[in-house]
Amino acid sequence: MKKLCNLSFLGILLISYGCCITRPNCNPEEGNFKYGPEISYRTSSYWGEDAKDEDLKHTGGIGLGGYVHWTFCEDYPAMGIYSGLFYNQFGARYPDDGSGETLKDRLSYLTIPFTFTYDVYKGIRVEAGPDLSFLLAAKEIYKYNGQKETYDFKEDVSKVQIGFNLAVSYIYEPLGLGGFIRYNGGFNKVPSSDFDTKAYNGGISFGARYHLNHLFYKGN
């Protein structure tokens, strides 16, 4: 999987080089580089053989950070690269046994996506590519009788996650506002190599983004 992600990233760089470095019509002042904040709500759980056996449920989490989006050139206005730096929450909720007690995992990551984008029609865009996430925290949250206890299990979780993302987004260029729906999944297991448990992160997020520089550059 690491080789696949490395090859995907290399492919994006080569396409970028072919479209921009070798073309004279690439001008940043004409709006091919955009940046801004992004925020999302995610519903996530674990997937995989062992996760299925546990009958795990979804739990909510947030995502926020800053992005950059670079379209290749006026010769290729529909294609681009999306990246940035994001705080993302994943996790899962264990089934209720009827006692009123609840237990869920909350995993926090710092994520860097390397995403290829393609504008399909008038602001509608498809996005896909690998991402790299670094574990910040892993908490187990236990609630019972109105009380809450939190346990740290970061040492039991893989410190680096190699994953992928698939999304459909829309941007309204006159206002610089956009929204998206995205699926994120992990290639490597959530538990560290000390465990044989086959469980992987997976989640669907809904979010919004804003082009901070939309007033200064022309839209593509």
Protein backbone atom coordinates (compact mmCIF):
# COMPACT_ATOMS: atom_id res chain seq x y z
CA MET A 1 0.00 0.00 0.00
CA LYS A 2 2.87 2.37 0.73
CA LYS A 3 4.20 1.78 -2.78
CA LEU A 4 0.74 2.50 -4.23
CA CYS A 5 0.49 5.82 -2.38
CA ASN A 6 4.02 6.80 -3.36
CA LEU A 7 3.30 6.02 -7.00
CA SER A 8 0.04 8.01 -6.87
CA PHE A 9 1.82 11.04 -5.44
CA LEU A 10 4.61 10.73 -8.01
CA GLY A 11 2.02 10.51 -10.77
CA ILE A 12 0.36 13.73 -9.61
CA LEU A 13 3.71 15.53 -9.60
CA LEU A 14 4.55 14.29 -13.10
CA ILE A 15 1.17 15.39 -14.45
CA SER A 16 1.66 18.76 -12.80
CA TYR A 17 5.08 19.12 -14.37
CA GLY A 18 3.82 18.15 -17.80
CA CYS A 19 0.86 20.51 -17.67
CA CYS A 20 2.48 23.58 -16.11
CA ILE A 21 6.26 23.62 -16.40
CA THR A 22 6.15 22.80 -20.10
CA ARG A 23 3.27 25.19 -20.85
CA PRO A 24 3.81 28.97 -21.13
CA ASN A 25 0.23 29.88 -20.22
CA CYS A 26 0.40 29.05 -16.51
CA ASN A 27 -0.06 32.30 -14.59
CA PRO A 28 -0.80 32.27 -10.82
CA GLU A 29 -2.34 35.74 -11.06
CA GLU A 30 -5.16 34.36 -13.17
CA GLY A 31 -6.62 32.30 -10.41
CA ASN A 32 -5.11 28.83 -10.69
CA PHE A 33 -4.02 28.86 -7.02
CA LYS A 34 -6.62 29.09 -4.23
CA TYR A 35 -6.50 28.60 -0.47
CA GLY A 36 -8.71 28.90 2.58
CA PRO A 37 -10.29 27.21 5.62
CA GLU A 38 -12.31 24.00 5.61
CA ILE A 39 -14.57 22.46 8.24
CA SER A 40 -16.51 19.20 8.27
CA TYR A 41 -18.58 16.78 10.32
CA ARG A 42 -17.71 13.09 10.04
CA THR A 43 -19.56 9.93 10.92
CA SER A 44 -17.06 7.07 11.21
CA SER A 45 -16.53 3.53 12.37
CA TYR A 46 -14.08 0.68 11.89
CA TRP A 47 -14.36 -1.72 9.01
CA GLY A 48 -12.73 -5.08 8.43
CA GLU A 49 -13.19 -8.69 9.49
CA ASP A 50 -12.86 -8.16 13.25
CA ALA A 51 -14.87 -4.93 13.25
CA LYS A 52 -17.75 -6.73 11.57
CA ASP A 53 -17.75 -9.37 14.28
CA GLU A 54 -18.06 -6.65 16.96
CA ASP A 55 -21.12 -5.10 15.24
CA LEU A 56 -19.65 -1.64 15.77
CA LYS A 57 -21.70 1.54 15.27
CA HIS A 58 -20.83 4.93 13.84
CA THR A 59 -19.81 7.90 15.95
CA GLY A 60 -19.49 11.59 15.16
CA GLY A 61 -16.33 13.66 14.81
CA ILE A 62 -15.05 16.89 13.34
CA GLY A 63 -12.49 17.91 10.76
CA LEU A 64 -10.95 21.35 10.33
CA GLY A 65 -7.90 22.95 8.80
CA GLY A 66 -6.61 24.87 5.81
CA TYR A 67 -6.37 23.78 2.19
CA VAL A 68 -4.68 24.79 -1.04
CA HIS A 69 -6.07 24.01 -4.49
CA TRP A 70 -3.94 24.42 -7.58
CA THR A 71 -5.37 24.04 -11.09
CA PHE A 72 -2.77 23.15 -13.68
CA CYS A 73 -3.08 25.90 -16.32
CA GLU A 74 -5.50 27.56 -18.70
CA ASP A 75 -4.74 24.77 -21.18
CA TYR A 76 -5.97 22.28 -18.55
CA PRO A 77 -8.38 24.32 -16.38
CA ALA A 78 -10.38 21.34 -15.15
CA MET A 79 -7.52 19.43 -13.52
CA GLY A 80 -5.78 20.26 -10.28
CA ILE A 81 -4.21 19.22 -7.00
CA TYR A 82 -5.77 19.66 -3.56
CA SER A 83 -3.76 19.44 -0.34
CA GLY A 84 -3.47 21.08 3.07
CA LEU A 85 -3.17 20.36 6.76
CA PHE A 86 -6.16 19.09 8.77
CA TYR A 87 -7.19 17.93 12.22
CA ASN A 88 -9.49 14.92 11.81
CA GLN A 89 -11.41 12.74 14.25
CA PHE A 90 -12.24 9.08 13.62
CA GLY A 91 -13.50 6.31 15.87
CA ALA A 92 -16.29 3.87 16.55
CA ARG A 93 -19.06 3.22 19.05
CA TYR A 94 -19.55 -0.17 20.63
CA PRO A 95 -23.08 -1.65 20.71
CA ASP A 96 -25.27 -0.88 23.73
CA ASP A 97 -25.91 -3.95 25.88
CA GLY A 98 -29.14 -2.49 27.26
CA SER A 99 -27.65 -1.32 30.57
CA GLY A 100 -27.44 2.34 29.51
CA GLU A 101 -23.65 2.23 29.51
CA THR A 102 -21.86 3.49 26.39
CA LEU A 103 -18.33 3.00 25.13
CA LYS A 104 -16.66 4.60 22.13
CA ASP A 105 -13.22 5.20 20.68
CA ARG A 106 -12.08 8.64 19.52
CA LEU A 107 -8.93 8.89 17.42
CA SER A 108 -7.43 12.26 16.49
CA TYR A 109 -5.09 12.70 13.54
CA LEU A 110 -3.10 15.36 11.72
CA THR A 111 -3.80 14.66 8.03
CA ILE A 112 -2.10 15.73 4.80
CA PRO A 113 -4.04 14.81 1.62
CA PHE A 114 -2.51 14.50 -1.86
CA THR A 115 -5.63 14.66 -3.99
CA PHE A 116 -6.17 14.88 -7.73
CA THR A 117 -9.22 16.98 -8.71
CA TYR A 118 -11.27 17.27 -11.89
CA ASP A 119 -13.99 19.84 -12.58
CA VAL A 120 -16.87 17.99 -14.18
CA TYR A 121 -19.35 20.79 -14.87
CA LYS A 122 -19.75 24.39 -13.67
CA GLY A 123 -18.21 24.09 -10.22
CA ILE A 124 -18.97 20.38 -9.68
CA ARG A 125 -15.71 18.58 -8.94
CA VAL A 126 -14.63 15.00 -8.28
CA GLU A 127 -11.63 14.42 -6.00
CA ALA A 128 -9.57 11.32 -5.28
CA GLY A 129 -6.15 10.46 -3.93
CA PRO A 130 -4.04 9.18 -1.03
CA ASP A 131 -3.55 10.85 2.34
CA LEU A 132 -1.10 10.55 5.19
CA SER A 133 -2.21 10.88 8.83
CA PHE A 134 -0.24 11.10 12.07
CA LEU A 135 -1.90 10.00 15.32
CA LEU A 136 -2.32 12.78 17.88
CA ALA A 137 -4.50 11.07 20.48
CA ALA A 138 -6.51 7.91 21.10
CA LYS A 139 -9.18 8.00 23.81
CA GLU A 140 -11.72 5.47 25.02
CA ILE A 141 -14.78 7.24 26.42
CA TYR A 142 -16.94 5.31 28.87
CA LYS A 143 -20.27 6.72 30.13
CA TYR A 144 -22.42 5.20 32.85
CA ASN A 145 -24.97 6.53 35.40
CA GLY A 146 -24.37 10.10 34.24
CA GLN A 147 -20.63 9.75 34.78
CA LYS A 148 -17.86 9.81 32.16
CA GLU A 149 -14.41 8.29 32.27
CA THR A 150 -11.70 8.64 29.64
CA TYR A 151 -8.83 6.25 29.06
CA ASP A 152 -5.76 6.79 26.92
CA PHE A 153 -4.82 3.91 24.60
CA LYS A 154 -2.52 5.72 22.18
CA GLU A 155 0.24 3.15 22.71
CA ASP A 156 -2.04 0.46 21.23
CA VAL A 157 -2.74 2.36 17.98
CA SER A 158 -0.67 2.67 14.80
CA LYS A 159 1.09 6.03 14.84
CA VAL A 160 0.86 6.59 11.08
CA GLN A 161 -2.12 5.91 8.85
CA ILE A 162 -1.89 5.65 5.08
CA GLY A 163 -5.34 6.16 3.62
CA PHE A 164 -7.37 7.35 0.66
CA ASN A 165 -10.14 9.84 0.01
CA LEU A 166 -12.95 10.05 -2.55
CA ALA A 167 -15.14 13.15 -2.77
CA VAL A 168 -17.63 15.15 -4.77
CA SER A 169 -17.60 18.90 -4.21
CA TYR A 170 -19.22 22.08 -5.48
CA ILE A 171 -17.79 25.59 -5.49
CA TYR A 172 -19.76 28.77 -6.21
CA GLU A 173 -16.97 30.95 -7.56
CA PRO A 174 -18.66 34.39 -7.27
CA LEU A 175 -18.74 34.01 -3.48
CA GLY A 176 -15.83 31.62 -3.05
CA LEU A 177 -18.05 29.21 -1.09
CA GLY A 178 -18.16 25.46 -1.54
CA GLY A 179 -19.37 22.23 0.00
CA PHE A 180 -18.45 18.57 -0.30
CA ILE A 181 -19.17 15.00 0.69
CA ARG A 182 -16.12 12.78 1.18
CA TYR A 183 -15.26 9.21 2.10
CA ASN A 184 -11.99 8.53 3.93
CA GLY A 185 -10.60 5.06 4.48
CA GLY A 186 -7.44 3.59 5.94
CA PHE A 187 -5.16 1.05 4.26
CA ASN A 188 -3.31 -0.04 7.40
CA LYS A 189 -4.85 -1.39 10.61
CA VAL A 190 -5.88 0.88 13.47
CA PRO A 191 -4.28 -1.36 16.14
CA SER A 192 -0.49 -1.35 16.26
CA SER A 193 1.61 -4.20 14.91
CA ASP A 194 1.54 -5.80 18.39
CA PHE A 195 -2.08 -6.84 17.75
CA ASP A 196 -3.63 -9.16 15.15
CA THR A 197 -6.97 -7.33 15.12
CA LYS A 198 -8.07 -6.46 11.58
CA ALA A 199 -9.88 -3.15 11.95
CA TYR A 200 -9.49 -0.08 9.72
CA ASN A 201 -10.71 3.50 9.86
CA GLY A 202 -13.54 4.56 7.58
CA GLY A 203 -15.89 7.52 7.55
CA ILE A 204 -18.10 9.84 5.52
CA SER A 205 -17.83 13.59 6.07
CA PHE A 206 -19.92 16.58 5.01
CA GLY A 207 -18.25 19.96 4.98
CA ALA A 208 -17.75 23.45 3.67
CA ARG A 209 -14.76 25.43 2.40
CA TYR A 210 -14.09 29.04 1.50
CA HIS A 211 -11.69 30.54 -1.03
CA LEU A 212 -10.05 33.40 0.88
CA ASN A 213 -8.52 34.80 -2.28
CA HIS A 214 -11.62 34.63 -4.49
CA LEU A 215 -11.91 38.44 -4.57
CA PHE A 216 -8.35 38.88 -5.83
CA TYR A 217 -8.09 36.22 -8.56
CA LYS A 218 -10.31 35.32 -11.45
CA GLY A 219 -12.22 32.06 -11.19
CA ASN A 220 -11.32 29.14 -13.38
